[in-house]
Protein backbone atom coordinates (compact mmCIF):
# COMPACT_ATOMS: atom_id res chain seq x y z
CA MET A 1 -0.11 0.12 -0.14
CA VAL A 2 1.54 3.55 -1.05
CA ARG A 3 0.37 6.13 1.30
CA VAL A 4 0.23 9.84 -0.16
CA GLN A 5 0.74 12.54 2.19
CA PRO A 6 -1.27 15.83 1.49
CA ASN A 7 1.21 18.85 1.27
CA THR A 8 -0.90 21.14 3.56
CA PRO A 9 0.55 23.77 5.50
CA ALA A 10 -0.28 23.82 9.27
CA SER A 11 -2.32 26.27 10.82
CA SER A 12 -3.27 27.55 14.53
CA SER A 13 -6.59 29.07 13.14
CA SER A 14 -10.03 27.16 12.37
CA PRO A 15 -10.71 26.80 8.62
CA THR A 16 -13.15 28.56 6.67
CA ARG A 17 -16.17 26.84 4.93
CA ALA A 18 -14.05 27.27 1.66
CA GLU A 19 -11.17 25.68 2.84
CA VAL A 20 -13.13 22.93 4.26
CA ARG A 21 -14.96 22.25 0.84
CA ALA A 22 -11.39 22.51 -0.90
CA ALA A 23 -10.15 20.03 1.62
CA GLN A 24 -13.24 17.78 0.99
CA GLN A 25 -12.36 17.97 -2.65
CA ARG A 26 -8.66 16.78 -2.33
CA LYS A 27 -9.78 14.17 -0.17
CA ARG A 28 -12.32 12.79 -2.85
CA SER A 29 -9.64 12.94 -5.42
CA LEU A 30 -6.98 10.98 -3.33
CA ILE A 31 -9.74 8.06 -2.84
CA LEU A 32 -10.22 8.12 -6.72
CA LEU A 33 -6.57 8.02 -7.10
CA ALA A 34 -6.12 5.13 -4.87
CA VAL A 35 -8.77 3.44 -6.43
CA VAL A 36 -7.22 3.70 -9.84
CA LEU A 37 -3.69 2.41 -8.70
CA GLY A 38 -5.40 -0.50 -7.10
CA LEU A 39 -7.23 -1.31 -10.30
CA VAL A 40 -3.93 -0.70 -12.27
CA VAL A 41 -1.95 -3.33 -10.06
CA ALA A 42 -4.84 -5.79 -10.43
CA LEU A 43 -4.70 -5.60 -14.07
CA VAL A 44 -0.85 -5.98 -14.28
CA VAL A 45 -1.36 -8.98 -12.11
CA VAL A 46 -3.98 -10.44 -14.59
CA ILE A 47 -1.93 -9.77 -17.70
CA GLY A 48 1.26 -11.50 -16.23
CA VAL A 49 -0.85 -14.52 -15.45
CA VAL A 50 -2.04 -14.71 -18.78
CA PHE A 51 1.21 -14.17 -20.43
CA ALA A 52 2.70 -16.75 -18.41
CA ARG A 53 0.24 -19.20 -19.56
CA GLY A 54 1.09 -18.93 -22.87
CA ALA A 55 -0.84 -18.08 -26.16
CA GLY A 56 -3.76 -20.00 -27.34
CA GLY A 57 -5.01 -20.63 -23.69
CA GLU A 58 -2.07 -23.28 -22.91
CA PRO A 59 -1.07 -23.37 -19.38
CA ALA A 60 2.95 -23.10 -19.54
CA ALA A 61 4.82 -25.90 -17.76
CA GLU A 62 5.67 -24.66 -14.32
CA GLN A 63 9.26 -25.22 -13.14
CA PRO A 64 9.31 -28.63 -11.45
CA PRO A 65 10.66 -28.87 -7.92
CA VAL A 66 13.80 -30.40 -7.44
CA ALA A 67 14.30 -34.11 -8.83
CA ALA A 68 10.60 -33.85 -9.74
CA GLY A 69 10.31 -35.87 -12.73
CA GLY A 70 14.18 -36.46 -12.79
CA CYS A 71 15.08 -32.69 -13.45
CA LEU A 72 17.59 -31.01 -11.55
CA PRO A 73 16.88 -27.35 -9.99
CA SER A 74 17.98 -24.52 -11.82
CA ASP A 75 20.28 -22.84 -9.44
CA LEU A 76 22.21 -26.17 -8.82
CA ARG A 77 25.90 -25.58 -9.15
CA ILE A 78 27.72 -28.45 -10.82
CA THR A 79 31.84 -28.37 -11.30
CA SER A 80 32.93 -30.88 -13.70
CA ASP A 81 36.19 -32.22 -15.22
CA PRO A 82 36.54 -31.09 -18.78
CA ALA A 83 37.18 -34.78 -20.06
CA VAL A 84 33.56 -35.69 -18.41
CA ALA A 85 31.76 -32.59 -19.24
CA GLY A 86 30.33 -33.60 -22.21
CA ALA A 87 28.83 -36.68 -20.91
CA VAL A 88 27.32 -34.83 -17.88
CA GLN A 89 25.96 -32.28 -20.04
CA ALA A 90 24.38 -34.63 -22.26
CA ILE A 91 22.77 -36.89 -19.50
CA VAL A 92 21.43 -33.60 -18.01
CA ASP A 93 19.90 -32.83 -21.46
CA GLY A 94 18.16 -36.00 -21.50
CA MET A 95 16.27 -35.75 -18.31
CA GLY A 96 13.19 -34.16 -19.88
CA GLU A 97 12.23 -31.29 -22.31
CA ASN A 98 10.65 -29.07 -19.73
CA CYS A 99 13.52 -29.23 -17.41
CA PRO A 100 15.52 -25.92 -16.39
CA ASP A 101 18.79 -25.49 -17.95
CA ALA A 102 21.96 -26.45 -15.57
CA THR A 103 25.02 -24.61 -15.29
CA ILE A 104 28.05 -26.71 -15.63
CA VAL A 105 31.41 -25.34 -14.70
CA THR A 106 34.46 -26.93 -16.09
CA GLU A 107 37.59 -27.18 -14.12
CA ASP A 108 40.59 -29.77 -14.38
CA SER A 109 40.10 -32.24 -11.31
CA ALA A 110 43.70 -31.55 -10.15
CA ALA A 111 43.05 -27.91 -9.75
CA THR A 112 39.70 -28.24 -7.69
CA ALA A 113 41.23 -31.02 -5.39
CA ASP A 114 44.55 -28.63 -4.94
CA ALA A 115 42.11 -25.74 -4.13
CA LEU A 116 40.18 -27.80 -1.68
CA SER A 117 43.07 -29.50 0.13
CA THR A 118 44.32 -26.07 1.22
CA GLY A 119 41.13 -25.31 2.81
CA ALA A 120 39.20 -23.46 0.12
CA GLU A 121 35.30 -23.17 0.34
CA PRO A 122 33.49 -25.50 -2.06
CA ASP A 123 31.89 -23.26 -5.16
CA PHE A 124 30.00 -26.16 -6.21
CA ASP A 125 26.84 -28.01 -4.93
CA VAL A 126 28.06 -31.08 -7.00
CA TRP A 127 31.52 -31.91 -8.07
CA VAL A 128 32.10 -34.40 -10.84
CA PRO A 129 35.82 -35.28 -11.21
CA ASP A 130 37.39 -37.66 -13.45
CA SER A 131 38.11 -40.07 -10.99
CA ALA A 132 37.17 -40.87 -7.14
CA MET A 133 41.22 -40.61 -6.65
CA TRP A 134 40.59 -36.87 -6.28
CA PRO A 135 38.15 -36.45 -3.33
CA ALA A 136 40.37 -39.04 -1.48
CA ARG A 137 43.67 -36.99 -2.29
CA VAL A 138 41.90 -34.14 -0.77
CA THR A 139 41.07 -36.01 2.35
CA GLY A 140 44.53 -37.37 2.73
CA GLN A 141 46.27 -34.13 2.10
CA ALA A 142 44.20 -32.29 4.61
CA GLU A 143 44.86 -34.81 7.25
CA ARG A 144 48.54 -34.57 6.71
CA THR A 145 48.91 -31.14 6.82
CA GLY A 146 46.38 -30.47 9.42
CA VAL A 147 44.23 -28.07 7.05
CA ASP A 148 40.32 -27.80 7.99
CA ALA A 149 39.35 -28.66 4.50
CA ALA A 150 35.56 -29.52 3.38
CA ASP A 151 34.27 -32.90 4.27
CA LEU A 152 33.81 -34.39 0.94
CA VAL A 153 31.09 -37.05 0.52
CA VAL A 154 31.04 -39.36 -2.78
CA ASP A 155 27.31 -39.93 -3.06
CA GLY A 156 27.55 -42.42 -6.22
CA ALA A 157 29.17 -42.77 -9.63
CA LEU A 158 28.06 -41.67 -13.08
CA ALA A 159 30.73 -43.66 -15.36
CA SER A 160 33.78 -45.72 -15.44
CA THR A 161 36.53 -46.21 -17.97
CA PRO A 162 39.56 -48.66 -17.64
CA VAL A 163 43.17 -48.13 -17.67
CA VAL A 164 45.00 -48.89 -21.04
CA PHE A 165 48.12 -49.30 -22.85
CA ALA A 166 47.68 -46.89 -26.10
CA THR A 167 50.02 -48.15 -28.90
CA THR A 168 50.16 -48.59 -32.58
CA GLU A 169 48.68 -51.66 -34.27
CA PRO A 170 51.91 -53.58 -34.79
CA THR A 171 52.92 -52.88 -31.13
CA ALA A 172 49.40 -53.81 -29.94
CA ALA A 173 49.70 -57.35 -31.59
CA THR A 174 52.99 -57.92 -30.09
CA LEU A 175 51.91 -56.92 -26.48
CA ALA A 176 48.90 -59.11 -26.94
CA ALA A 177 50.75 -62.13 -28.18
CA ALA A 178 53.22 -61.82 -25.06
CA GLU A 179 50.28 -61.19 -22.65
CA ALA A 180 51.83 -57.99 -21.71
CA GLY A 181 50.92 -56.32 -18.34
CA PHE A 182 52.20 -53.91 -15.71
CA SER A 183 54.87 -56.53 -14.51
CA SER A 184 56.31 -56.36 -18.23
CA PHE A 185 57.51 -52.90 -17.28
CA ALA A 186 60.39 -54.56 -15.60
CA GLN A 187 61.51 -56.07 -18.76
CA ARG A 188 61.77 -52.81 -20.43
CA SER A 189 60.94 -54.39 -23.86
CA VAL A 190 58.93 -51.14 -24.89
CA ALA A 191 59.16 -47.67 -23.90
CA VAL A 192 56.55 -46.14 -21.38
CA VAL A 193 55.04 -42.52 -21.78
CA LEU A 194 53.29 -41.70 -18.45
CA PRO A 195 51.35 -38.69 -18.34
CA ASP A 196 51.88 -36.88 -15.11
CA PRO A 197 50.33 -38.52 -12.33
CA ALA A 198 49.58 -35.03 -10.40
CA THR A 199 47.19 -33.95 -13.12
CA VAL A 200 46.25 -37.48 -14.69
CA ALA A 201 44.02 -39.88 -12.86
CA ALA A 202 44.55 -42.74 -14.74
CA SER A 203 48.52 -42.55 -14.11
CA SER A 204 48.05 -42.84 -10.26
CA ALA A 205 45.85 -45.74 -11.11
CA ALA A 206 48.47 -47.38 -13.02
CA LEU A 207 51.21 -46.67 -10.54
CA LEU A 208 49.21 -48.72 -8.04
CA ALA A 209 48.64 -51.21 -10.74
CA LEU A 210 52.37 -51.41 -10.95
CA GLN A 211 52.80 -51.80 -7.35
CA THR A 212 50.35 -54.59 -7.12
CA ALA A 213 51.90 -56.44 -10.13
CA LEU A 214 55.05 -56.31 -8.34
CA ASN A 215 53.70 -57.96 -5.06
CA GLY A 216 54.43 -54.77 -3.32
CA ASP A 217 58.03 -55.07 -4.10
CA ALA A 218 59.23 -51.42 -3.20
CA ARG A 219 62.64 -51.25 -4.44
CA THR A 220 61.75 -52.78 -7.56
CA PHE A 221 58.79 -50.19 -7.95
CA THR A 222 61.16 -47.45 -7.07
CA ALA A 223 63.51 -48.22 -9.83
CA LEU A 224 60.94 -48.37 -12.33
CA ALA A 225 59.06 -45.30 -11.28
CA LEU A 226 62.16 -43.20 -11.32
CA GLY A 227 62.73 -44.68 -15.05
CA LEU A 228 59.47 -43.56 -15.96
CA ASP A 229 60.01 -39.90 -14.69
CA PRO A 230 62.23 -38.68 -17.32
CA GLY A 231 59.34 -39.47 -20.05
CA VAL A 232 56.60 -38.00 -18.19
CA THR A 233 54.17 -35.65 -20.23
CA GLN A 234 51.95 -33.07 -19.15
CA THR A 235 48.63 -34.20 -20.40
CA ALA A 236 47.14 -37.55 -21.93
CA THR A 237 47.11 -36.00 -25.30
CA ALA A 238 50.61 -35.36 -25.27
CA ALA A 239 51.32 -38.83 -23.98
CA LEU A 240 49.20 -40.30 -27.11
CA ASP A 241 50.96 -37.77 -29.27
CA ALA A 242 54.41 -39.40 -28.30
CA VAL A 243 53.33 -42.78 -29.11
CA SER A 244 52.00 -41.63 -32.73
CA ALA A 245 55.48 -39.98 -33.43
CA ALA A 246 57.65 -42.89 -31.89
CA THR A 247 59.73 -44.64 -34.07
CA THR A 248 60.41 -47.68 -31.89
CA PRO A 249 57.84 -49.60 -29.70
CA THR A 250 56.03 -47.32 -27.47
CA VAL A 251 53.23 -47.49 -25.27
CA ALA A 252 51.10 -44.52 -23.48
CA VAL A 253 49.52 -45.35 -20.00
CA THR A 254 45.85 -43.74 -20.35
CA THR A 255 42.25 -44.82 -20.48
CA GLU A 256 39.73 -46.32 -22.81
CA GLN A 257 37.73 -43.27 -23.06
CA ALA A 258 41.04 -41.18 -23.83
CA VAL A 259 42.03 -43.30 -26.75
CA GLN A 260 38.54 -42.89 -28.19
CA ALA A 261 38.57 -39.49 -27.94
CA TYR A 262 42.03 -39.14 -29.24
CA ASP A 263 41.07 -41.47 -32.32
CA GLU A 264 38.47 -39.06 -33.35
CA ASP A 265 40.73 -36.59 -35.15
CA ALA A 266 43.90 -39.02 -35.42
CA ALA A 267 45.61 -39.58 -38.86
CA THR A 268 46.40 -42.80 -37.42
CA PRO A 269 44.22 -44.28 -34.83
CA LEU A 270 46.03 -45.67 -31.87
CA VAL A 271 44.82 -49.02 -30.36
CA ALA A 272 44.03 -49.98 -26.68
CA VAL A 273 45.48 -52.67 -25.08
CA TYR A 274 43.98 -54.14 -21.73
CA PRO A 275 47.05 -55.50 -19.49
CA ALA A 276 46.81 -59.22 -18.93
CA ASP A 277 47.75 -59.09 -15.17
CA VAL A 278 46.04 -56.05 -13.12
CA LYS A 279 43.20 -54.50 -14.64
CA PRO A 280 42.60 -51.00 -13.06
CA ALA A 281 40.05 -48.53 -13.87
CA VAL A 282 38.87 -45.09 -12.72
CA SER A 283 35.27 -44.10 -11.76
CA VAL A 284 33.36 -40.77 -12.30
CA PRO A 285 32.05 -39.81 -9.12
CA LEU A 286 29.40 -37.29 -7.72
CA VAL A 287 30.63 -35.63 -4.93
CA THR A 288 28.97 -33.27 -2.40
CA VAL A 289 29.79 -31.52 0.88
CA ALA A 290 28.73 -33.32 4.20
CA GLY A 291 25.51 -31.84 5.17
CA ALA A 292 24.53 -30.87 1.76
CA SER A 293 21.03 -29.85 1.41
CA ASP A 294 17.93 -32.34 0.67
CA GLN A 295 17.52 -30.44 -2.68
CA THR A 296 21.31 -31.35 -3.49
CA ALA A 297 20.81 -35.03 -2.22
CA ALA A 298 17.68 -35.53 -4.44
CA ALA A 299 19.70 -33.84 -7.26
CA VAL A 300 22.44 -36.25 -6.92
CA LYS A 301 19.83 -39.31 -6.97
CA ALA A 302 18.34 -38.06 -10.05
CA LEU A 303 21.87 -37.75 -11.88
CA VAL A 304 22.54 -41.32 -10.94
CA SER A 305 19.56 -42.51 -11.96
CA ALA A 306 19.61 -40.66 -15.52
CA ALA A 307 23.00 -42.02 -16.01
CA ALA A 308 21.88 -45.76 -15.30
CA ASP A 309 19.48 -45.26 -18.03
CA ALA A 310 22.01 -43.40 -20.43
CA GLY A 311 24.28 -46.48 -21.29
CA ASP A 312 24.14 -45.29 -25.11
CA VAL A 313 25.11 -41.64 -24.22
CA LEU A 314 28.20 -42.66 -22.09
CA ALA A 315 29.18 -44.79 -24.85
CA GLN A 316 29.07 -42.08 -27.48
CA HIS A 317 31.37 -40.05 -25.14
CA GLY A 318 33.80 -43.05 -24.46
CA PHE A 319 32.88 -44.19 -20.90
CA ARG A 320 31.54 -47.20 -19.70
CA ASP A 321 28.55 -47.30 -17.00
CA ALA A 322 29.37 -47.15 -13.21
CA ALA A 323 29.77 -50.72 -12.95
CA GLY A 324 32.39 -51.14 -15.68
CA SER A 325 30.24 -52.92 -18.12
CA PRO A 326 31.22 -52.75 -21.70
CA PRO A 327 29.23 -51.24 -24.08
CA ALA A 328 27.04 -53.01 -26.71
CA THR A 329 29.53 -52.07 -29.53
CA ALA A 330 32.63 -53.44 -27.67
CA THR A 331 34.69 -56.06 -29.48
CA GLY A 332 37.69 -58.43 -28.59
CA ASP A 333 39.28 -57.76 -25.34
CA ALA A 334 37.07 -54.47 -24.75
CA GLU A 335 34.24 -56.99 -24.18
CA THR A 336 35.39 -57.62 -20.54
CA THR A 337 33.72 -56.06 -17.66
CA ILE A 338 36.52 -54.23 -15.78
CA ALA A 339 34.89 -53.17 -12.24
CA ALA A 340 35.36 -49.65 -11.19
CA PRO A 341 37.39 -49.27 -8.09
CA ASP A 342 35.84 -49.12 -4.83
CA ALA A 343 36.53 -46.50 -1.79
CA ASP A 344 39.59 -48.26 -0.54
CA THR A 345 40.98 -48.55 -4.04
CA SER A 346 40.49 -44.82 -4.96
CA ALA A 347 42.29 -44.20 -1.44
CA ASN A 348 45.02 -46.32 -2.57
CA GLN A 349 45.68 -44.81 -5.67
CA ALA A 350 45.84 -41.39 -3.92
CA GLU A 351 48.47 -42.90 -1.97
CA ALA A 352 50.39 -44.15 -4.93
CA LEU A 353 50.33 -40.54 -6.23
CA ARG A 354 51.77 -39.05 -2.99
CA THR A 355 54.62 -41.89 -3.32
CA TRP A 356 55.28 -40.80 -6.83
CA GLN A 357 55.73 -37.31 -5.89
CA VAL A 358 57.99 -38.30 -3.09
CA LEU A 359 60.10 -40.44 -5.19
CA THR A 360 60.31 -37.95 -7.94
CA ALA A 361 60.78 -34.64 -5.93
CA PRO A 362 64.18 -33.09 -6.19
CA SER A 363 66.24 -33.73 -2.90
CA ARG A 364 67.40 -31.21 -0.86
CA MET A 365 69.75 -33.75 1.25
CA LEU A 366 72.28 -32.89 4.15
CA SER A 367 74.74 -35.49 4.19
CA LEU A 368 75.76 -35.73 7.83
CA ASN A 369 79.12 -38.04 8.03
CA ASP A 370 80.85 -39.56 10.79
CA VAL A 371 84.62 -38.70 10.65
CA SER A 372 85.36 -39.92 14.35
CA GLY A 373 88.58 -42.23 14.72
CA SER A 374 87.02 -45.47 14.56
CA MET A 375 86.21 -44.66 10.70
CA LEU A 376 90.11 -45.58 10.30
CA GLN A 377 89.64 -49.06 11.13
CA PRO A 378 90.34 -51.85 8.59
CA VAL A 379 87.75 -53.84 6.99
CA THR A 380 89.82 -55.71 4.43
CA ALA A 381 93.59 -55.97 3.64
CA ASP A 382 93.75 -52.83 2.14
CA MET A 383 90.52 -50.67 2.84
CA ARG A 384 89.37 -48.73 5.62
CA ARG A 385 85.74 -47.94 6.48
CA ILE A 386 86.21 -44.40 5.43
CA ASP A 387 87.80 -45.59 2.31
CA LEU A 388 84.62 -47.60 1.57
CA PHE A 389 82.44 -44.84 2.64
CA GLU A 390 84.08 -42.59 0.49
CA GLN A 391 83.49 -44.73 -2.62
CA ALA A 392 80.12 -45.27 -1.83
CA ALA A 393 79.37 -41.50 -1.36
CA VAL A 394 80.62 -40.68 -4.83
CA ARG A 395 78.15 -43.35 -6.13
CA ALA A 396 75.39 -41.82 -4.46
CA VAL A 397 76.06 -38.32 -5.27
CA ASN A 398 76.00 -39.45 -8.81
CA SER A 399 72.75 -41.20 -8.28
CA LEU A 400 70.88 -38.13 -7.72
CA SER A 401 69.30 -35.95 -10.28
CA ALA A 402 70.56 -32.47 -11.36
CA ASP A 403 67.84 -30.95 -9.85
CA SER A 404 68.70 -31.79 -6.18
CA SER A 405 70.66 -29.82 -4.04
CA LEU A 406 73.29 -31.20 -1.45
CA ALA A 407 75.25 -30.10 1.50
CA THR A 408 78.16 -31.90 3.26
CA TRP A 409 79.01 -31.87 7.16
CA VAL A 410 81.05 -33.90 9.11
CA PHE A 411 80.82 -34.66 13.03
CA SER A 412 83.36 -36.16 15.48
CA SER A 413 83.84 -34.67 18.92
CA ARG A 414 84.80 -30.73 19.71
CA ARG A 415 85.48 -30.00 16.24
CA ILE A 416 85.07 -26.37 16.82
CA GLY A 417 85.43 -25.35 20.29
CA GLY A 418 82.62 -27.29 22.02
CA GLN A 419 80.59 -27.93 18.80
CA ASP A 420 80.64 -31.65 17.28
CA TRP A 421 79.57 -30.81 13.81
CA GLN A 422 81.24 -28.89 11.09
CA GLU A 423 80.04 -27.54 7.61
CA ILE A 424 82.29 -28.39 5.00
CA VAL A 425 80.41 -28.04 1.75
CA PRO A 426 77.29 -25.54 1.66
CA PHE A 427 74.23 -26.30 -0.17
CA GLY A 428 74.38 -25.97 -3.81
CA SER A 429 72.56 -27.71 -6.97
CA LEU A 430 74.09 -30.74 -8.31
CA GLY A 431 73.17 -29.12 -11.62
CA ASP A 432 76.14 -26.87 -11.15
CA PRO A 433 78.91 -28.59 -12.47
CA ALA A 434 81.48 -26.88 -10.05
CA HIS A 435 79.26 -27.66 -6.82
CA LYS A 436 78.89 -31.24 -7.77
CA GLN A 437 82.65 -31.46 -8.35
CA LEU A 438 83.49 -29.93 -5.00
CA THR A 439 81.16 -32.11 -3.37
CA ILE A 440 82.76 -35.54 -4.88
CA ASP A 441 86.29 -34.08 -3.85
CA THR A 442 85.02 -33.62 -0.65
CA ALA A 443 83.66 -37.28 -0.56
CA ASN A 444 87.10 -38.46 -1.70
CA SER A 445 89.02 -36.70 0.99
CA LEU A 446 87.12 -37.16 4.33
CA ASP A 447 89.69 -39.58 5.36
CA THR A 448 91.87 -36.30 6.07
CA LEU A 449 89.18 -34.95 8.36
CA VAL A 450 88.99 -38.09 10.66
CA GLY A 451 89.78 -37.74 14.63
CA GLY A 452 88.27 -37.78 18.02
CA GLY A 453 85.08 -39.47 19.26
CA THR A 454 81.42 -39.94 18.22
CA GLY A 455 79.31 -36.47 19.06
CA LEU A 456 76.18 -38.22 17.44
CA TYR A 457 73.23 -37.00 19.07
CA ASP A 458 74.06 -33.05 19.28
CA SER A 459 75.23 -33.29 15.61
CA VAL A 460 72.02 -35.28 14.60
CA LEU A 461 69.81 -32.16 16.30
CA ALA A 462 71.72 -29.56 14.90
CA ALA A 463 71.42 -30.88 11.26
CA VAL A 464 67.49 -31.45 11.62
CA THR A 465 67.07 -28.00 13.26
CA TYR A 466 69.08 -26.24 10.42
CA MET A 467 67.00 -28.20 7.71
CA ARG A 468 63.76 -27.22 9.33
CA GLN A 469 65.08 -23.39 9.54
CA THR A 470 66.01 -23.43 5.90
CA TYR A 471 63.15 -25.88 4.86
CA GLU A 472 62.19 -25.75 0.97
CA PRO A 473 58.81 -26.52 0.01
CA GLY A 474 58.55 -29.09 -3.17
CA LYS A 475 61.50 -30.91 -2.29
CA VAL A 476 62.29 -33.97 -0.33
CA ASN A 477 64.29 -32.31 2.59
CA LEU A 478 66.19 -34.90 4.67
CA VAL A 479 69.36 -35.62 6.85
CA LEU A 480 71.54 -38.65 5.57
CA LEU A 481 73.40 -39.72 8.69
CA ASN A 482 76.29 -42.06 8.27
CA THR A 483 77.98 -43.32 11.26
CA ASP A 484 79.92 -46.44 12.56
CA GLY A 485 79.73 -46.00 16.14
CA VAL A 486 77.76 -44.85 19.38
CA ASN A 487 77.41 -41.54 21.08
CA GLU A 488 80.57 -40.57 23.08
CA ASP A 489 79.76 -36.99 23.95
CA ASP A 490 78.87 -37.24 27.46
CA ASP A 491 78.73 -33.20 28.01
CA GLY A 492 75.91 -33.23 25.31
CA LEU A 493 72.23 -34.79 24.66
CA ASP A 494 71.52 -38.25 25.81
CA LEU A 495 69.25 -40.40 23.56
CA PRO A 496 65.88 -39.33 25.43
CA GLY A 497 66.97 -35.74 25.25
CA VAL A 498 67.71 -35.80 21.47
CA LEU A 499 64.39 -37.79 20.75
CA ALA A 500 62.48 -35.17 22.94
CA GLU A 501 64.04 -32.33 20.99
CA LEU A 502 63.26 -33.90 17.59
CA GLU A 503 59.67 -34.56 18.66
CA LYS A 504 59.33 -30.78 19.24
CA LEU A 505 60.87 -30.31 15.78
CA ARG A 506 58.14 -32.39 13.98
CA ASP A 507 56.01 -30.47 11.71
CA PRO A 508 53.95 -32.64 9.15
CA ALA A 509 53.58 -29.74 6.67
CA LYS A 510 57.43 -29.27 6.72
CA PRO A 511 58.84 -32.75 7.19
CA VAL A 512 62.54 -33.43 7.61
CA ALA A 513 63.45 -37.02 7.64
CA VAL A 514 66.47 -38.39 9.19
CA ILE A 515 67.80 -41.62 6.93
CA ALA A 516 70.29 -43.23 9.23
CA ILE A 517 73.07 -45.72 8.14
CA GLY A 518 74.95 -47.79 10.56
CA TYR A 519 78.14 -48.99 9.17
CA GLY A 520 79.54 -52.25 11.11
CA PRO A 521 78.71 -54.25 14.21
CA ASP A 522 79.74 -51.55 16.46
CA THR A 523 77.10 -49.26 15.47
CA ASP A 524 73.94 -48.36 18.26
CA GLN A 525 71.38 -49.30 15.60
CA ALA A 526 68.75 -49.48 18.22
CA ALA A 527 69.33 -45.56 18.57
CA LEU A 528 69.50 -44.98 15.12
CA GLU A 529 66.23 -46.69 14.43
CA GLN A 530 64.63 -44.27 17.32
CA ILE A 531 65.97 -41.15 15.74
CA ALA A 532 64.76 -42.54 12.21
CA ALA A 533 61.18 -43.02 13.72
CA ALA A 534 61.26 -39.63 15.46
CA THR A 535 61.74 -37.98 12.08
CA ASP A 536 59.70 -40.46 9.87
CA GLY A 537 62.62 -41.64 8.16
CA ALA A 538 64.24 -45.07 8.12
CA ALA A 539 67.37 -46.79 9.44
CA TYR A 540 69.68 -49.08 7.69
CA GLN A 541 72.67 -51.12 8.66
CA ALA A 542 75.72 -52.30 6.67
CA LEU A 543 77.25 -55.31 8.48
CA GLN A 544 79.73 -56.36 5.74
CA PRO A 545 82.17 -54.21 4.08
CA THR A 546 80.57 -55.33 0.71
CA ASP A 547 77.12 -53.70 1.80
CA ILE A 548 78.32 -50.03 2.36
CA GLY A 549 77.66 -49.22 -1.44
CA THR A 550 74.54 -50.92 -1.50
CA VAL A 551 73.02 -49.65 1.59
CA LEU A 552 73.85 -46.19 0.95
CA ILE A 553 72.70 -46.21 -2.80
CA ASP A 554 69.39 -47.59 -1.08
CA ALA A 555 69.10 -45.15 1.19
CA VAL A 556 69.44 -42.26 -1.35
CA THR A 557 66.75 -43.65 -3.78
CA GLN A 558 64.39 -45.50 -1.45
CA ARG A 559 62.73 -42.27 -0.24
CA GLY A 560 59.10 -42.90 -1.21
CA CYS A 561 58.85 -46.25 0.62
CA ARG A 562 60.42 -45.18 3.96
CA PRO A 563 60.26 -46.60 6.58
CA GLY A 564 59.25 -49.74 5.09
CA CYS A 565 61.64 -50.62 2.42
CA GLY A 566 63.29 -53.40 4.22
């Protein structure tokens, strides 16, 4: 209601008759104006209703409530991986002619997962990544780093697709005849191109399959993973392009759906080879946030139902149904049902990705070397402990990638006043030839620094403290401890003391592991194991002279499987 206040001046005197009549006339005019305004409003409402019902007297379809008749609410926010978005849009379009349009925003699953794992608020009601590995990764990352991330819920799946080897026809025939699988990677009979597992979910599924095919052999897996790293491509398409251009037998790890999409525009189509041993797959889940509205829950239920009835639509986009059943047009090996992963398998795929990233991340390693007098003890007719260590240290330096950085410290007792440790070579990149050569020359001359007792505990704490203070994200920050004895510094920390100090320094978001190697039977291996455990590291022991080289190389390269590498 609109109130109109007459603009009449206030007066303390009584109105005249003429003034009264004028006022009455104004009042009647205002009443008439109010009636007219009321009629106009009513007419507008009537016209609006008629217009909404449409021409010819046909009542227009009302916007359906959420999930009524299988429709989605018009304000539902869907974020989808680009590889999946076409299939999602087709499923939504098939839910009814009178359904409101749904807004689907595309974003790479890895980007969405990275944002969520750092605590970003979800800007979706439903997330459709290209693998259930991604929400599992978000949860795992948040738990490790202590981030208060959104509580994600996998509410069902739309589709799935198997992980395959994509290659040319001749190579495919050879692999099929040999019944090749993931375990065949160890034979290195073909080159393998792996899309970056950090952005391509199929690669994480493949890494888990490789671990399974190798029966959990961490050393063999590490060697194969490090061999794959130099050939990693940024995208699945780049991997398939590499296979097409290869002049020697080459395969790309990818999905059945990716091969089909690639072949649509390829001059020479590639062939999908299904592994003979482990048959991994990725699922396309529907992810919501815990406590989602009833409207969102109903929308997810409607999407799952629509996808279950849209097998032909999924097949047109290269996907299988959520159960992994092959499309009706499948032939040969593709006719096999390949089950989509369950929640535990998806979580294990996320863990395989984490292992890969630890293995392939550049190292930032502080080499902390015992140069106490016992290192001069002979172990063979012509070799001392320090001699064997020097040779092994050079091999270890050469095993590290050029993007790693290395510093060299030594310790004994009271090297600088009351301080047991001493920096010999500061941190530098092994990609710098001068720094690498200086590091190798230092390793070869450690025998010139030998003398004194074993100031173990204070030196370990100093090294870990330094690495924590100078921590570099994106690298594996660790202390490589080499010793042949027990702590002999009675003026410094004892074992409970150093363990308590290491516990204070622990930070899951900035881990600094101690990889400890004990040389010979005189080592306090129990103490090394406790120090390693306090830093989530690992402890090794070389009892025989010939073990030194093997153990040191293992310690340097087995970073991803610590502390269970054996």
